């Protein structure tokens, strides 16, 4: 149902796979940035990087679902 809705809006599997890889890069960037901030803000920055790190598998699987519709 969700995959069909995404497919109707024009999203394709390649788009979702690219977003997945982009979120990996964003996670790594946030993690590196977390190591450069002061100690008081480091915990929040690391949590932000870990949160973004949860996105890639979800986006990748959504792309796989869209591939089955193509």
PDB file of N, CA and C in Angstrom:
ATOM      1  N   UNK A   1       0.814  -1.178   0.000  1.00  0.00           N
ATOM      2  CA  UNK A   1       0.000   0.000   0.000  1.00  0.00           C
ATOM      3  C   UNK A   1       0.871   1.262   0.000  1.00  0.00           C
ATOM      4  N   UNK A   2       1.840   1.325   0.889  1.00  0.00           N
ATOM      5  CA  UNK A   2       2.727   2.493   0.929  1.00  0.00           C
ATOM      6  C   UNK A   2       3.592   2.533  -0.321  1.00  0.00           C
ATOM      7  N   UNK A   3       4.103   1.370  -0.734  1.00  0.00           N
ATOM      8  CA  UNK A   3       4.942   1.328  -1.927  1.00  0.00           C
ATOM      9  C   UNK A   3       4.150   1.756  -3.153  1.00  0.00           C
ATOM     10  N   UNK A   4       2.904   1.343  -3.246  1.00  0.00           N
ATOM     11  CA  UNK A   4       2.085   1.750  -4.381  1.00  0.00           C
ATOM     12  C   UNK A   4       1.844   3.250  -4.382  1.00  0.00           C
ATOM     13  N   UNK A   5       1.646   3.827  -3.203  1.00  0.00           N
ATOM     14  CA  UNK A   5       1.452   5.273  -3.106  1.00  0.00           C
ATOM     15  C   UNK A   5       2.715   6.021  -3.524  1.00  0.00           C
ATOM     16  N   UNK A   6       3.866   5.537  -3.087  1.00  0.00           N
ATOM     17  CA  UNK A   6       5.125   6.166  -3.477  1.00  0.00           C
ATOM     18  C   UNK A   6       5.349   6.033  -4.975  1.00  0.00           C
ATOM     19  N   UNK A   7       4.985   4.888  -5.526  1.00  0.00           N
ATOM     20  CA  UNK A   7       5.154   4.657  -6.961  1.00  0.00           C
ATOM     21  C   UNK A   7       4.259   5.605  -7.768  1.00  0.00           C
ATOM     22  N   UNK A   8       3.044   5.816  -7.296  1.00  0.00           N
ATOM     23  CA  UNK A   8       2.125   6.728  -7.989  1.00  0.00           C
ATOM     24  C   UNK A   8       2.617   8.167  -7.945  1.00  0.00           C
ATOM     25  N   UNK A   9       3.332   8.548  -6.888  1.00  0.00           N
ATOM     26  CA  UNK A   9       3.841   9.920  -6.793  1.00  0.00           C
ATOM     27  C   UNK A   9       5.069  10.147  -7.657  1.00  0.00           C
ATOM     28  N   UNK A  10       5.615   9.074  -8.228  1.00  0.00           N
ATOM     29  CA  UNK A  10       6.748   9.229  -9.128  1.00  0.00           C
ATOM     30  C   UNK A  10       8.075   8.771  -8.565  1.00  0.00           C
ATOM     31  N   UNK A  11       8.106   8.321  -7.329  1.00  0.00           N
ATOM     32  CA  UNK A  11       9.352   7.818  -6.765  1.00  0.00           C
ATOM     33  C   UNK A  11       9.662   6.442  -7.338  1.00  0.00           C
ATOM     34  N   UNK A  12      10.903   6.198  -7.625  1.00  0.00           N
ATOM     35  CA  UNK A  12      11.342   4.913  -8.152  1.00  0.00           C
ATOM     36  C   UNK A  12      12.377   4.321  -7.205  1.00  0.00           C
ATOM     37  N   UNK A  13      12.703   3.070  -7.439  1.00  0.00           N
ATOM     38  CA  UNK A  13      13.627   2.366  -6.538  1.00  0.00           C
ATOM     39  C   UNK A  13      14.991   3.053  -6.501  1.00  0.00           C
ATOM     40  N   UNK A  14      15.447   3.553  -7.623  1.00  0.00           N
ATOM     41  CA  UNK A  14      16.733   4.249  -7.653  1.00  0.00           C
ATOM     42  C   UNK A  14      16.768   5.478  -6.766  1.00  0.00           C
ATOM     43  N   UNK A  15      15.649   6.174  -6.706  1.00  0.00           N
ATOM     44  CA  UNK A  15      15.571   7.356  -5.839  1.00  0.00           C
ATOM     45  C   UNK A  15      15.739   6.960  -4.371  1.00  0.00           C
ATOM     46  N   UNK A  16      15.035   5.897  -3.983  1.00  0.00           N
ATOM     47  CA  UNK A  16      15.098   5.476  -2.583  1.00  0.00           C
ATOM     48  C   UNK A  16      16.470   4.907  -2.227  1.00  0.00           C
ATOM     49  N   UNK A  17      17.084   4.189  -3.156  1.00  0.00           N
ATOM     50  CA  UNK A  17      18.422   3.663  -2.888  1.00  0.00           C
ATOM     51  C   UNK A  17      19.437   4.796  -2.789  1.00  0.00           C
ATOM     52  N   UNK A  18      19.276   5.821  -3.620  1.00  0.00           N
ATOM     53  CA  UNK A  18      20.167   6.983  -3.529  1.00  0.00           C
ATOM     54  C   UNK A  18      19.976   7.713  -2.193  1.00  0.00           C
ATOM     55  N   UNK A  19      18.727   7.847  -1.763  1.00  0.00           N
ATOM     56  CA  UNK A  19      18.471   8.468  -0.456  1.00  0.00           C
ATOM     57  C   UNK A  19      19.088   7.645   0.672  1.00  0.00           C
ATOM     58  N   UNK A  20      19.037   6.335   0.532  1.00  0.00           N
ATOM     59  CA  UNK A  20      19.627   5.464   1.545  1.00  0.00           C
ATOM     60  C   UNK A  20      21.136   5.692   1.640  1.00  0.00           C
ATOM     61  N   UNK A  21      21.795   5.721   0.500  1.00  0.00           N
ATOM     62  CA  UNK A  21      23.241   5.945   0.506  1.00  0.00           C
ATOM     63  C   UNK A  21      23.578   7.357   0.989  1.00  0.00           C
ATOM     64  N   UNK A  22      22.734   8.319   0.638  1.00  0.00           N
ATOM     65  CA  UNK A  22      22.943   9.682   1.122  1.00  0.00           C
ATOM     66  C   UNK A  22      22.812   9.788   2.629  1.00  0.00           C
ATOM     67  N   UNK A  23      21.900   9.019   3.199  1.00  0.00           N
ATOM     68  CA  UNK A  23      21.748   9.071   4.654  1.00  0.00           C
ATOM     69  C   UNK A  23      22.927   8.411   5.360  1.00  0.00           C
ATOM     70  N   UNK A  24      23.586   7.445   4.692  1.00  0.00           N
ATOM     71  CA  UNK A  24      24.817   6.873   5.258  1.00  0.00           C
ATOM     72  C   UNK A  24      25.888   7.958   5.322  1.00  0.00           C
ATOM     73  N   UNK A  25      26.023   8.706   4.233  1.00  0.00           N
ATOM     74  CA  UNK A  25      27.020   9.788   4.192  1.00  0.00           C
ATOM     75  C   UNK A  25      26.679  10.856   5.236  1.00  0.00           C
ATOM     76  N   UNK A  26      25.396  11.195   5.358  1.00  0.00           N
ATOM     77  CA  UNK A  26      24.983  12.182   6.354  1.00  0.00           C
ATOM     78  C   UNK A  26      25.296  11.694   7.766  1.00  0.00           C
ATOM     79  N   UNK A  27      25.044  10.427   8.036  1.00  0.00           N
ATOM     80  CA  UNK A  27      25.332   9.861   9.355  1.00  0.00           C
ATOM     81  C   UNK A  27      26.819   9.961   9.672  1.00  0.00           C
ATOM     82  N   UNK A  28      27.657   9.590   8.711  1.00  0.00           N
ATOM     83  CA  UNK A  28      29.112   9.659   8.928  1.00  0.00           C
ATOM     84  C   UNK A  28      29.541  11.100   9.156  1.00  0.00           C
ATOM     85  N   UNK A  29      28.971  12.018   8.369  1.00  0.00           N
ATOM     86  CA  UNK A  29      29.298  13.434   8.556  1.00  0.00           C
ATOM     87  C   UNK A  29      28.894  13.952   9.920  1.00  0.00           C
ATOM     88  N   UNK A  30      27.716  13.561  10.364  1.00  0.00           N
ATOM     89  CA  UNK A  30      27.272  13.987  11.696  1.00  0.00           C
ATOM     90  C   UNK A  30      28.122  13.372  12.796  1.00  0.00           C
ATOM     91  N   UNK A  31      28.541  12.135  12.592  1.00  0.00           N
ATOM     92  CA  UNK A  31      29.382  11.472  13.596  1.00  0.00           C
ATOM     93  C   UNK A  31      30.742  12.168  13.701  1.00  0.00           C
ATOM     94  N   UNK A  32      31.318  12.509  12.557  1.00  0.00           N
ATOM     95  CA  UNK A  32      32.603  13.213  12.557  1.00  0.00           C
ATOM     96  C   UNK A  32      32.438  14.580  13.216  1.00  0.00           C
ATOM     97  N   UNK A  33      31.350  15.257  12.893  1.00  0.00           N
ATOM     98  CA  UNK A  33      31.100  16.563  13.507  1.00  0.00           C
ATOM     99  C   UNK A  33      30.903  16.430  15.015  1.00  0.00           C
ATOM    100  N   UNK A  34      30.296  15.343  15.452  1.00  0.00           N
ATOM    101  CA  UNK A  34      30.082  15.138  16.889  1.00  0.00           C
ATOM    102  C   UNK A  34      31.409  15.041  17.630  1.00  0.00           C
ATOM    103  N   UNK A  35      32.432  14.547  16.969  1.00  0.00           N
ATOM    104  CA  UNK A  35      33.739  14.421  17.611  1.00  0.00           C
ATOM    105  C   UNK A  35      34.463  15.756  17.708  1.00  0.00           C
ATOM    106  N   UNK A  36      33.976  16.781  16.982  1.00  0.00           N
ATOM    107  CA  UNK A  36      34.666  18.065  16.994  1.00  0.00           C
ATOM    108  C   UNK A  36      33.990  19.092  17.900  1.00  0.00           C
ATOM    109  N   UNK A  37      32.777  18.805  18.392  1.00  0.00           N
ATOM    110  CA  UNK A  37      32.097  19.772  19.263  1.00  0.00           C
ATOM    111  C   UNK A  37      32.576  19.595  20.698  1.00  0.00           C
ATOM    112  N   UNK A  38      32.271  20.579  21.522  1.00  0.00           N
ATOM    113  CA  UNK A  38      32.717  20.497  22.910  1.00  0.00           C
ATOM    114  C   UNK A  38      31.995  19.368  23.652  1.00  0.00           C
ATOM    115  N   UNK A  39      32.519  19.008  24.776  1.00  0.00           N
ATOM    116  CA  UNK A  39      32.063  17.838  25.531  1.00  0.00           C
ATOM    117  C   UNK A  39      30.598  17.953  25.967  1.00  0.00           C
ATOM    118  N   UNK A  40      30.130  19.155  26.252  1.00  0.00           N
ATOM    119  CA  UNK A  40      28.759  19.306  26.744  1.00  0.00           C
ATOM    120  C   UNK A  40      27.719  19.033  25.660  1.00  0.00           C
ATOM    121  N   UNK A  41      28.056  19.268  24.404  1.00  0.00           N
ATOM    122  CA  UNK A  41      27.111  19.047  23.301  1.00  0.00           C
ATOM    123  C   UNK A  41      27.373  17.743  22.562  1.00  0.00           C
ATOM    124  N   UNK A  42      28.389  17.010  22.945  1.00  0.00           N
ATOM    125  CA  UNK A  42      28.769  15.805  22.218  1.00  0.00           C
ATOM    126  C   UNK A  42      27.700  14.718  22.280  1.00  0.00           C
ATOM    127  N   UNK A  43      27.072  14.527  23.433  1.00  0.00           N
ATOM    128  CA  UNK A  43      26.054  13.484  23.568  1.00  0.00           C
ATOM    129  C   UNK A  43      24.884  13.698  22.629  1.00  0.00           C
ATOM    130  N   UNK A  44      24.413  14.924  22.541  1.00  0.00           N
ATOM    131  CA  UNK A  44      23.301  15.236  21.656  1.00  0.00           C
ATOM    132  C   UNK A  44      23.698  15.043  20.194  1.00  0.00           C
ATOM    133  N   UNK A  45      24.903  15.440  19.844  1.00  0.00           N
ATOM    134  CA  UNK A  45      25.370  15.287  18.466  1.00  0.00           C
ATOM    135  C   UNK A  45      25.522  13.810  18.109  1.00  0.00           C
ATOM    136  N   UNK A  46      25.990  12.992  19.029  1.00  0.00           N
ATOM    137  CA  UNK A  46      26.112  11.561  18.757  1.00  0.00           C
ATOM    138  C   UNK A  46      24.746  10.908  18.618  1.00  0.00           C
ATOM    139  N   UNK A  47      23.794  11.320  19.434  1.00  0.00           N
ATOM    140  CA  UNK A  47      22.439  10.769  19.308  1.00  0.00           C
ATOM    141  C   UNK A  47      21.821  11.133  17.966  1.00  0.00           C
ATOM    142  N   UNK A  48      22.084  12.345  17.500  1.00  0.00           N
ATOM    143  CA  UNK A  48      21.579  12.762  16.185  1.00  0.00           C
ATOM    144  C   UNK A  48      22.183  11.893  15.086  1.00  0.00           C
ATOM    145  N   UNK A  49      23.465  11.605  15.172  1.00  0.00           N
ATOM    146  CA  UNK A  49      24.114  10.755  14.168  1.00  0.00           C
ATOM    147  C   UNK A  49      23.556   9.339  14.216  1.00  0.00           C
ATOM    148  N   UNK A  50      23.320   8.805  15.396  1.00  0.00           N
ATOM    149  CA  UNK A  50      22.748   7.467  15.506  1.00  0.00           C
ATOM    150  C   UNK A  50      21.318   7.418  14.979  1.00  0.00           C
ATOM    151  N   UNK A  51      20.549   8.469  15.211  1.00  0.00           N
ATOM    152  CA  UNK A  51      19.187   8.522  14.699  1.00  0.00           C
ATOM    153  C   UNK A  51      19.180   8.495  13.176  1.00  0.00           C
ATOM    154  N   UNK A  52      20.024   9.291  12.571  1.00  0.00           N
ATOM    155  CA  UNK A  52      20.118   9.293  11.105  1.00  0.00           C
ATOM    156  C   UNK A  52      20.641   7.948  10.615  1.00  0.00           C
ATOM    157  N   UNK A  53      21.462   7.290  11.398  1.00  0.00           N
ATOM    158  CA  UNK A  53      21.982   5.978  11.025  1.00  0.00           C
ATOM    159  C   UNK A  53      20.923   4.896  10.965  1.00  0.00           C
ATOM    160  N   UNK A  54      19.749   5.147  11.514  1.00  0.00           N
ATOM    161  CA  UNK A  54      18.655   4.181  11.433  1.00  0.00           C
ATOM    162  C   UNK A  54      17.888   4.281  10.110  1.00  0.00           C
ATOM    163  N   UNK A  55      18.074   5.336   9.357  1.00  0.00           N
ATOM    164  CA  UNK A  55      17.325   5.550   8.127  1.00  0.00           C
ATOM    165  C   UNK A  55      17.724   4.641   6.974  1.00  0.00           C
ATOM    166  N   UNK A  56      19.018   4.363   6.742  1.00  0.00           N
ATOM    167  CA  UNK A  56      19.392   3.634   5.515  1.00  0.00           C
ATOM    168  C   UNK A  56      18.696   2.294   5.308  1.00  0.00           C
ATOM    169  N   UNK A  57      18.589   1.424   6.298  1.00  0.00           N
ATOM    170  CA  UNK A  57      17.916   0.153   6.023  1.00  0.00           C
ATOM    171  C   UNK A  57      16.448   0.337   5.634  1.00  0.00           C
ATOM    172  N   UNK A  58      15.783   1.277   6.273  1.00  0.00           N
ATOM    173  CA  UNK A  58      14.381   1.521   5.961  1.00  0.00           C
ATOM    174  C   UNK A  58      14.215   2.029   4.540  1.00  0.00           C
ATOM    175  N   UNK A  59      15.031   3.008   4.172  1.00  0.00           N
ATOM    176  CA  UNK A  59      14.938   3.555   2.822  1.00  0.00           C
ATOM    177  C   UNK A  59      15.317   2.516   1.776  1.00  0.00           C
ATOM    178  N   UNK A  60      16.321   1.692   2.065  1.00  0.00           N
ATOM    179  CA  UNK A  60      16.741   0.669   1.119  1.00  0.00           C
ATOM    180  C   UNK A  60      15.628  -0.359   0.897  1.00  0.00           C
ATOM    181  N   UNK A  61      14.979  -0.777   1.969  1.00  0.00           N
ATOM    182  CA  UNK A  61      13.892  -1.742   1.839  1.00  0.00           C
ATOM    183  C   UNK A  61      12.688  -1.139   1.123  1.00  0.00           C
ATOM    184  N   UNK A  62      12.446   0.134   1.327  1.00  0.00           N
ATOM    185  CA  UNK A  62      11.379   0.788   0.574  1.00  0.00           C
ATOM    186  C   UNK A  62      11.714   0.803  -0.908  1.00  0.00           C
ATOM    187  N   UNK A  63      12.988   1.016  -1.240  1.00  0.00           N
ATOM    188  CA  UNK A  63      13.417   0.964  -2.630  1.00  0.00           C
ATOM    189  C   UNK A  63      13.250  -0.432  -3.213  1.00  0.00           C
ATOM    190  N   UNK A  64      13.541  -1.458  -2.418  1.00  0.00           N
ATOM    191  CA  UNK A  64      13.332  -2.836  -2.889  1.00  0.00           C
ATOM    192  C   UNK A  64      11.848  -3.102  -3.151  1.00  0.00           C
ATOM    193  N   UNK A  65      10.986  -2.577  -2.299  1.00  0.00           N
ATOM    194  CA  UNK A  65       9.553  -2.743  -2.513  1.00  0.00           C
ATOM    195  C   UNK A  65       9.103  -2.045  -3.792  1.00  0.00           C
ATOM    196  N   UNK A  66       9.659  -0.870  -4.055  1.00  0.00           N
ATOM    197  CA  UNK A  66       9.323  -0.165  -5.287  1.00  0.00           C
ATOM    198  C   UNK A  66       9.849  -0.908  -6.518  1.00  0.00           C
ATOM    199  N   UNK A  67      10.986  -1.574  -6.373  1.00  0.00           N
ATOM    200  CA  UNK A  67      11.542  -2.323  -7.499  1.00  0.00           C
ATOM    201  C   UNK A  67      10.587  -3.436  -7.937  1.00  0.00           C
ATOM    202  N   UNK A  68       9.888  -4.019  -7.008  1.00  0.00           N
ATOM    203  CA  UNK A  68       8.947  -5.083  -7.339  1.00  0.00           C
ATOM    204  C   UNK A  68       7.750  -4.550  -8.117  1.00  0.00           C
ATOM    205  N   UNK A  69       7.451  -3.264  -7.973  1.00  0.00           N
ATOM    206  CA  UNK A  69       6.346  -2.656  -8.701  1.00  0.00           C
ATOM    207  C   UNK A  69       6.742  -2.176 -10.095  1.00  0.00           C
ATOM    208  N   UNK A  70       8.030  -2.025 -10.337  1.00  0.00           N
ATOM    209  CA  UNK A  70       8.495  -1.498 -11.627  1.00  0.00           C
ATOM    210  C   UNK A  70       8.518  -2.569 -12.696  1.00  0.00           C
TER     211      UNK A  70
END
